[in-house]
């Protein structure tokens, strides 16, 4: 109940270009979004060494008949990303993907066990933001063909105890959503981050050979533009309030009796 959910649908042209870019670079869309999130977290926090959580299916292909097993296998693993401005984006994303591939052998491990293995002291969270890449699909046509039921719509609801969560819905309409704790972040703040994510996706498609530092510089430019727009909007609001106050003062002064008038004259 303390979380707000905001999101946007990525333009179809951007989605197609992003998928083509990922295929050329032999990257998954999950890896691209993780890099995008790391850049944004770096801008928000001012840090270059970042850790966030990422959900995993918990069903390794090496386990026989894992696709037929019933159970809650989903897990969350910490992802550590270091921002290296001079490194090309494609190489940097491939390094993230390799790291994630190696971490899959531990995807059955609970977070409290991972924390004991790490240098992070007990009682300190491993991460405070999360990426949920919901790449499972629901095909109502298949279900309807097998039964007499007809599915009209599919809706999911999510909540967790993390202040910030990025939900990725890679379906026909590629959707990004931010779920944020309203006691930590204002709605207009997360809305601004969503605008940044959209702009960063478009910039990545247009500049696939750029370096990580170029991506960071572009995001900084977007942030400055947003701050300038907010300052202009606040100035206009203050000016409007001042004009309203002055008009009220003038009307009150014109309606007040002159000090030289008697009550009868007034």
Protein backbone atom coordinates (compact mmCIF):
# COMPACT_ATOMS: atom_id res chain seq x y z
CA UNK A 1 0.00 0.00 0.00
CA UNK A 2 2.99 2.35 0.38
CA UNK A 3 4.17 1.89 -3.21
CA UNK A 4 3.38 3.88 -6.34
CA UNK A 5 3.57 2.30 -9.78
CA UNK A 6 4.33 4.37 -12.87
CA UNK A 7 5.42 3.28 -16.31
CA UNK A 8 5.53 3.84 -20.04
CA UNK A 9 5.43 1.84 -23.25
CA UNK A 10 8.57 2.05 -25.34
CA UNK A 11 7.94 3.23 -28.90
CA UNK A 12 7.66 0.37 -31.39
CA UNK A 13 10.53 1.71 -33.53
CA UNK A 14 12.80 1.97 -30.48
CA UNK A 15 11.86 -1.54 -29.38
CA UNK A 16 12.68 -3.03 -32.79
CA UNK A 17 15.98 -1.15 -32.99
CA UNK A 18 16.86 -2.24 -29.46
CA UNK A 19 16.17 -5.89 -30.25
CA UNK A 20 18.27 -5.67 -33.42
CA UNK A 21 21.11 -4.05 -31.46
CA UNK A 22 21.00 -6.77 -28.82
CA UNK A 23 21.10 -9.50 -31.49
CA UNK A 24 24.07 -7.89 -33.28
CA UNK A 25 26.01 -7.59 -30.03
CA UNK A 26 24.88 -11.04 -28.80
CA UNK A 27 23.31 -9.49 -25.73
CA UNK A 28 20.04 -10.21 -23.99
CA UNK A 29 17.53 -7.43 -23.44
CA UNK A 30 17.85 -8.21 -19.74
CA UNK A 31 21.55 -7.28 -19.87
CA UNK A 32 20.83 -4.04 -21.73
CA UNK A 33 18.23 -3.01 -19.15
CA UNK A 34 20.61 -3.86 -16.30
CA UNK A 35 23.23 -1.56 -17.83
CA UNK A 36 20.62 1.14 -18.28
CA UNK A 37 19.56 0.82 -14.64
CA UNK A 38 23.18 0.94 -13.43
CA UNK A 39 23.80 4.19 -15.31
CA UNK A 40 20.65 5.73 -13.83
CA UNK A 41 21.51 4.57 -10.30
CA UNK A 42 24.98 6.07 -10.73
CA UNK A 43 23.44 9.41 -11.70
CA UNK A 44 21.03 9.31 -8.75
CA UNK A 45 23.59 8.27 -6.14
CA UNK A 46 26.80 9.78 -7.49
CA UNK A 47 28.53 6.40 -7.07
CA UNK A 48 30.49 4.39 -9.64
CA UNK A 49 30.40 1.04 -7.82
CA UNK A 50 26.79 -0.12 -7.64
CA UNK A 51 24.85 -3.13 -6.41
CA UNK A 52 21.23 -3.91 -7.21
CA UNK A 53 19.12 -7.05 -7.08
CA UNK A 54 17.94 -9.04 -10.08
CA UNK A 55 15.34 -11.80 -10.08
CA UNK A 56 16.18 -15.18 -11.57
CA UNK A 57 13.89 -18.03 -12.58
CA UNK A 58 15.84 -20.55 -10.51
CA UNK A 59 15.37 -23.22 -13.17
CA UNK A 60 18.82 -24.06 -14.59
CA UNK A 61 18.71 -25.89 -17.94
CA UNK A 62 21.26 -28.40 -16.62
CA UNK A 63 18.65 -29.79 -14.19
CA UNK A 64 16.66 -32.55 -15.88
CA UNK A 65 12.92 -31.94 -16.27
CA UNK A 66 13.18 -28.60 -14.45
CA UNK A 67 10.49 -27.19 -16.72
CA UNK A 68 8.02 -29.80 -15.41
CA UNK A 69 8.70 -29.23 -11.71
CA UNK A 70 6.12 -27.43 -9.59
CA UNK A 71 7.46 -25.05 -7.01
CA UNK A 72 8.59 -21.53 -6.20
CA UNK A 73 12.10 -21.49 -7.65
CA UNK A 74 12.34 -17.76 -8.26
CA UNK A 75 15.20 -16.04 -6.42
CA UNK A 76 16.97 -12.69 -6.26
CA UNK A 77 20.73 -12.30 -6.68
CA UNK A 78 22.88 -9.21 -6.13
CA UNK A 79 24.41 -7.66 -9.26
CA UNK A 80 27.54 -5.57 -8.84
CA UNK A 81 28.33 -3.15 -11.66
CA UNK A 82 31.25 -0.76 -11.87
CA UNK A 83 30.98 2.25 -14.17
CA UNK A 84 34.08 2.60 -16.37
CA UNK A 85 33.64 5.76 -18.48
CA UNK A 86 36.35 4.92 -21.04
CA UNK A 87 35.00 1.45 -21.87
CA UNK A 88 32.80 0.99 -24.98
CA UNK A 89 29.19 0.33 -24.05
CA UNK A 90 29.05 -2.97 -25.97
CA UNK A 91 32.12 -4.37 -24.15
CA UNK A 92 30.83 -3.14 -20.81
CA UNK A 93 27.44 -4.80 -21.35
CA UNK A 94 29.08 -8.05 -22.43
CA UNK A 95 31.10 -8.06 -19.19
CA UNK A 96 27.86 -7.66 -17.22
CA UNK A 97 26.29 -10.54 -19.16
CA UNK A 98 29.31 -12.80 -18.54
CA UNK A 99 29.19 -12.02 -14.83
CA UNK A 100 25.49 -12.83 -14.70
CA UNK A 101 26.03 -16.08 -16.56
CA UNK A 102 28.66 -17.14 -14.02
CA UNK A 103 26.41 -16.15 -11.11
CA UNK A 104 23.67 -18.49 -12.34
CA UNK A 105 25.41 -21.42 -10.65
CA UNK A 106 24.49 -19.77 -7.33
CA UNK A 107 20.93 -18.79 -8.17
CA UNK A 108 19.58 -21.33 -5.67
CA UNK A 109 21.47 -19.59 -2.83
CA UNK A 110 19.42 -17.53 -0.34
CA UNK A 111 20.38 -13.90 0.18
CA UNK A 112 21.33 -14.40 3.82
CA UNK A 113 23.89 -17.01 2.75
CA UNK A 114 25.25 -14.69 0.05
CA UNK A 115 25.56 -11.94 2.64
CA UNK A 116 27.66 -14.21 4.87
CA UNK A 117 29.97 -14.85 1.93
CA UNK A 118 30.32 -11.12 1.21
CA UNK A 119 32.10 -8.30 3.05
CA UNK A 120 28.80 -6.51 3.65
CA UNK A 121 28.17 -6.53 7.43
CA UNK A 122 25.09 -8.22 8.83
CA UNK A 123 22.13 -5.87 9.19
CA UNK A 124 23.17 -3.83 6.13
CA UNK A 125 21.09 -4.59 3.02
CA UNK A 126 22.99 -5.97 0.05
CA UNK A 127 20.97 -3.68 -2.22
CA UNK A 128 18.03 -1.29 -2.08
CA UNK A 129 16.77 -1.46 -5.64
CA UNK A 130 15.58 -4.38 -7.70
CA UNK A 131 15.09 -5.33 -11.36
CA UNK A 132 12.26 -7.73 -12.18
CA UNK A 133 12.45 -8.91 -15.80
CA UNK A 134 9.12 -10.66 -16.37
CA UNK A 135 9.91 -12.65 -19.49
CA UNK A 136 7.30 -15.34 -18.91
CA UNK A 137 4.42 -15.26 -21.36
CA UNK A 138 0.73 -15.99 -21.09
CA UNK A 139 -1.01 -17.00 -24.31
CA UNK A 140 -4.79 -16.80 -23.78
CA UNK A 141 -5.41 -18.42 -27.18
CA UNK A 142 -3.66 -21.64 -26.15
CA UNK A 143 -5.49 -21.83 -22.82
CA UNK A 144 -8.85 -21.09 -24.46
CA UNK A 145 -8.29 -23.83 -27.04
CA UNK A 146 -7.74 -26.41 -24.29
CA UNK A 147 -10.75 -25.48 -22.18
CA UNK A 148 -14.16 -23.86 -22.49
CA UNK A 149 -12.91 -20.81 -20.61
CA UNK A 150 -12.23 -17.58 -22.41
CA UNK A 151 -9.62 -15.24 -20.92
CA UNK A 152 -10.49 -11.61 -21.48
CA UNK A 153 -7.53 -9.99 -19.74
CA UNK A 154 -4.49 -10.85 -17.65
CA UNK A 155 -3.42 -8.59 -14.80
CA UNK A 156 -0.60 -9.02 -12.28
CA UNK A 157 0.09 -7.14 -9.07
CA UNK A 158 3.46 -6.83 -7.39
CA UNK A 159 4.73 -5.43 -4.12
CA UNK A 160 7.92 -5.87 -2.12
CA UNK A 161 9.91 -4.26 0.66
CA UNK A 162 12.48 -2.50 -1.56
CA UNK A 163 12.34 1.29 -1.94
CA UNK A 164 12.83 1.11 -5.72
CA UNK A 165 11.94 -1.58 -8.25
CA UNK A 166 12.22 -1.56 -12.03
CA UNK A 167 9.71 -3.88 -13.71
CA UNK A 168 10.36 -4.91 -17.30
CA UNK A 169 7.54 -6.39 -19.36
CA UNK A 170 9.09 -7.54 -22.67
CA UNK A 171 5.90 -8.41 -24.50
CA UNK A 172 4.28 -7.17 -27.69
CA UNK A 173 4.37 -3.71 -26.13
CA UNK A 174 7.71 -3.32 -24.35
CA UNK A 175 6.85 -1.72 -21.01
CA UNK A 176 9.07 -0.28 -18.26
CA UNK A 177 7.62 0.47 -14.84
CA UNK A 178 9.06 1.89 -11.64
CA UNK A 179 7.55 0.84 -8.35
CA UNK A 180 8.68 3.20 -5.60
CA UNK A 181 8.07 3.62 -1.91
CA UNK A 182 6.16 6.89 -1.63
CA UNK A 183 7.74 7.53 1.79
CA UNK A 184 11.15 7.64 0.07
CA UNK A 185 10.48 9.16 -3.36
CA UNK A 186 8.01 11.70 -4.66
CA UNK A 187 5.88 10.66 -7.63
CA UNK A 188 7.27 13.47 -9.81
CA UNK A 189 10.81 12.25 -9.07
CA UNK A 190 10.17 8.72 -10.31
CA UNK A 191 8.27 10.13 -13.29
CA UNK A 192 11.42 12.06 -14.20
CA UNK A 193 13.51 8.88 -13.97
CA UNK A 194 11.11 7.12 -16.32
CA UNK A 195 11.56 9.94 -18.83
CA UNK A 196 15.32 9.50 -18.48
CA UNK A 197 15.06 5.76 -19.13
CA UNK A 198 13.06 6.35 -22.30
CA UNK A 199 15.52 8.97 -23.56
CA UNK A 200 18.51 6.76 -22.69
CA UNK A 201 17.08 3.84 -24.68
CA UNK A 202 16.67 6.06 -27.73
CA UNK A 203 20.20 7.45 -27.28
CA UNK A 204 21.70 3.95 -27.00
CA UNK A 205 20.04 2.88 -30.25
CA UNK A 206 21.41 5.97 -32.00
CA UNK A 207 24.95 5.66 -30.49
CA UNK A 208 25.73 1.93 -30.14
CA UNK A 209 29.50 2.50 -30.47
CA UNK A 210 29.76 5.16 -27.76
CA UNK A 211 31.58 4.76 -24.45
CA UNK A 212 30.02 4.41 -21.01
CA UNK A 213 31.17 7.95 -20.19
CA UNK A 214 29.25 9.29 -23.18
CA UNK A 215 26.11 7.59 -21.86
CA UNK A 216 26.72 9.14 -18.44
CA UNK A 217 27.29 12.58 -19.97
CA UNK A 218 24.05 12.34 -21.93
CA UNK A 219 22.15 11.43 -18.77
CA UNK A 220 23.75 14.35 -16.91
CA UNK A 221 22.60 16.65 -19.70
CA UNK A 222 19.06 15.27 -19.42
CA UNK A 223 19.17 15.83 -15.67
CA UNK A 224 20.28 19.45 -16.08
CA UNK A 225 17.49 20.08 -18.58
CA UNK A 226 14.97 18.59 -16.17
CA UNK A 227 16.25 20.75 -13.31
CA UNK A 228 16.05 23.86 -15.49
CA UNK A 229 12.49 23.01 -16.51
CA UNK A 230 11.55 22.47 -12.87
CA UNK A 231 13.13 25.79 -11.89
CA UNK A 232 11.25 27.62 -14.66
CA UNK A 233 7.99 25.94 -13.66
CA UNK A 234 8.50 26.88 -10.01
CA UNK A 235 9.34 30.47 -10.97
CA UNK A 236 6.19 30.71 -13.09
CA UNK A 237 4.12 29.30 -10.22
CA UNK A 238 5.60 31.83 -7.77
CA UNK A 239 4.98 34.67 -10.21
CA UNK A 240 1.37 33.58 -10.72
CA UNK A 241 0.81 33.44 -6.96
CA UNK A 242 2.41 36.88 -6.54
CA UNK A 243 0.16 38.40 -9.21
CA UNK A 244 -2.90 36.81 -7.63
CA UNK A 245 -1.92 38.17 -4.23
CA UNK A 246 -1.38 41.67 -5.65
CA UNK A 247 -4.76 41.65 -7.39
CA UNK A 248 -6.46 40.63 -4.16
CA UNK A 249 -4.62 43.38 -2.28
CA UNK A 250 -5.64 46.00 -4.86
CA UNK A 251 -9.29 44.91 -4.72
CA UNK A 252 -9.26 44.96 -0.93
CA UNK A 253 -7.74 48.45 -0.92
CA UNK A 254 -10.27 49.79 -3.43
CA UNK A 255 -13.18 48.38 -1.41
CA UNK A 256 -11.99 49.72 1.94
CA UNK A 257 -13.48 53.13 3.17
CA UNK A 258 -11.38 56.28 2.99
CA UNK A 259 -10.09 57.49 6.37
CA UNK A 260 -11.77 60.89 5.66
CA UNK A 261 -15.23 59.34 5.13
CA UNK A 262 -17.78 59.04 7.88
CA UNK A 263 -19.79 55.84 8.31
CA UNK A 264 -22.82 57.56 6.74
CA UNK A 265 -20.78 58.67 3.75
CA UNK A 266 -19.44 55.19 3.38
